[in-house]
Amino acid sequence: MPKRSISIKRHRTSIALEKEFWDALDAAAEHRRVSLPSLIAEIDQSRLKAAPPPGLASALRVFVLKETQLSGVGDKAD
């Protein structure tokens, strides 16, 4: 599982995710015209509002899943 080191609010952290999740996060950042660290920082801020907050890797996976659902990928035809 590939790891990447990202700085969030001047704090360096390593995140391990499957390649497919990194690819989807890269695409989401590009689509939003923000850097990957900026997107991850935004997701990190959102996850901290939950009680108890999920781990960052889990929050990133859920973000990718929700993005996929919003885009209609995987929808079944009637």
Protein backbone atom coordinates (compact mmCIF):
# COMPACT_ATOMS: atom_id res chain seq x y z
CA MET A 1 0.00 0.00 0.00
CA PRO A 2 1.62 3.27 -1.09
CA LYS A 3 2.35 5.88 1.59
CA ARG A 4 2.57 9.60 1.03
CA SER A 5 3.75 12.28 3.42
CA ILE A 6 1.52 15.34 3.53
CA SER A 7 1.74 18.55 5.56
CA ILE A 8 -1.52 19.58 7.22
CA LYS A 9 -1.35 22.86 9.13
CA ARG A 10 2.44 22.60 9.33
CA HIS A 11 2.20 19.06 10.71
CA ARG A 12 3.76 16.32 8.59
CA THR A 13 1.82 13.05 8.49
CA SER A 14 2.12 9.83 6.50
CA ILE A 15 -0.97 8.31 4.95
CA ALA A 16 -1.17 4.79 3.52
CA LEU A 17 -3.88 4.19 0.92
CA GLU A 18 -4.38 1.85 -1.99
CA LYS A 19 -3.20 3.22 -5.35
CA GLU A 20 -6.78 3.52 -6.60
CA PHE A 21 -7.66 5.86 -3.72
CA TRP A 22 -4.58 8.02 -4.36
CA ASP A 23 -5.53 8.19 -8.04
CA ALA A 24 -9.09 9.25 -7.17
CA LEU A 25 -7.86 11.88 -4.69
CA ASP A 26 -5.42 13.26 -7.27
CA ALA A 27 -8.28 13.49 -9.79
CA ALA A 28 -10.59 15.18 -7.26
CA ALA A 29 -7.93 17.75 -6.41
CA GLU A 30 -7.31 18.43 -10.09
CA HIS A 31 -11.06 18.74 -10.75
CA ARG A 32 -11.35 21.29 -7.91
CA ARG A 33 -8.16 23.06 -9.05
CA VAL A 34 -6.53 22.72 -5.64
CA SER A 35 -3.40 20.93 -4.51
CA LEU A 36 -3.69 17.44 -3.06
CA PRO A 37 -2.49 18.65 0.37
CA SER A 38 -5.18 21.37 0.30
CA LEU A 39 -7.89 18.83 -0.49
CA ILE A 40 -6.66 16.50 2.25
CA ALA A 41 -6.58 19.40 4.74
CA GLU A 42 -10.20 20.19 3.84
CA ILE A 43 -11.23 16.56 4.36
CA ASP A 44 -9.27 16.52 7.63
CA GLN A 45 -11.17 19.60 8.88
CA SER A 46 -14.50 17.93 8.06
CA ARG A 47 -13.63 14.66 9.75
CA LEU A 48 -12.71 16.41 13.01
CA LYS A 49 -16.33 17.58 13.35
CA ALA A 50 -17.52 13.99 13.91
CA ALA A 51 -17.67 12.53 17.40
CA PRO A 52 -15.54 10.51 17.60
CA PRO A 53 -13.61 11.53 14.49
CA PRO A 54 -12.62 8.71 12.12
CA GLY A 55 -9.00 8.16 11.17
CA LEU A 56 -7.71 10.28 8.31
CA ALA A 57 -7.21 7.33 5.94
CA SER A 58 -10.80 6.20 6.57
CA ALA A 59 -12.09 9.73 5.99
CA LEU A 60 -10.21 9.89 2.69
CA ARG A 61 -11.68 6.58 1.54
CA VAL A 62 -15.21 7.71 2.46
CA PHE A 63 -14.63 10.98 0.59
CA VAL A 64 -13.65 9.04 -2.55
CA LEU A 65 -16.69 6.77 -2.18
CA LYS A 66 -19.04 9.76 -1.84
CA GLU A 67 -17.43 11.49 -4.83
CA THR A 68 -17.94 8.34 -6.88
CA GLN A 69 -21.59 8.14 -5.83
CA LEU A 70 -22.17 11.82 -6.66
CA SER A 71 -20.68 11.37 -10.11
CA GLY A 72 -23.07 8.52 -10.83
CA VAL A 73 -20.28 5.99 -11.32
CA GLY A 74 -21.57 2.55 -10.52
CA ASP A 75 -25.25 3.44 -10.95
CA LYS A 76 -27.28 0.55 -12.27
CA ALA A 77 -29.48 1.03 -15.30
CA ASP A 78 -33.13 0.07 -14.84
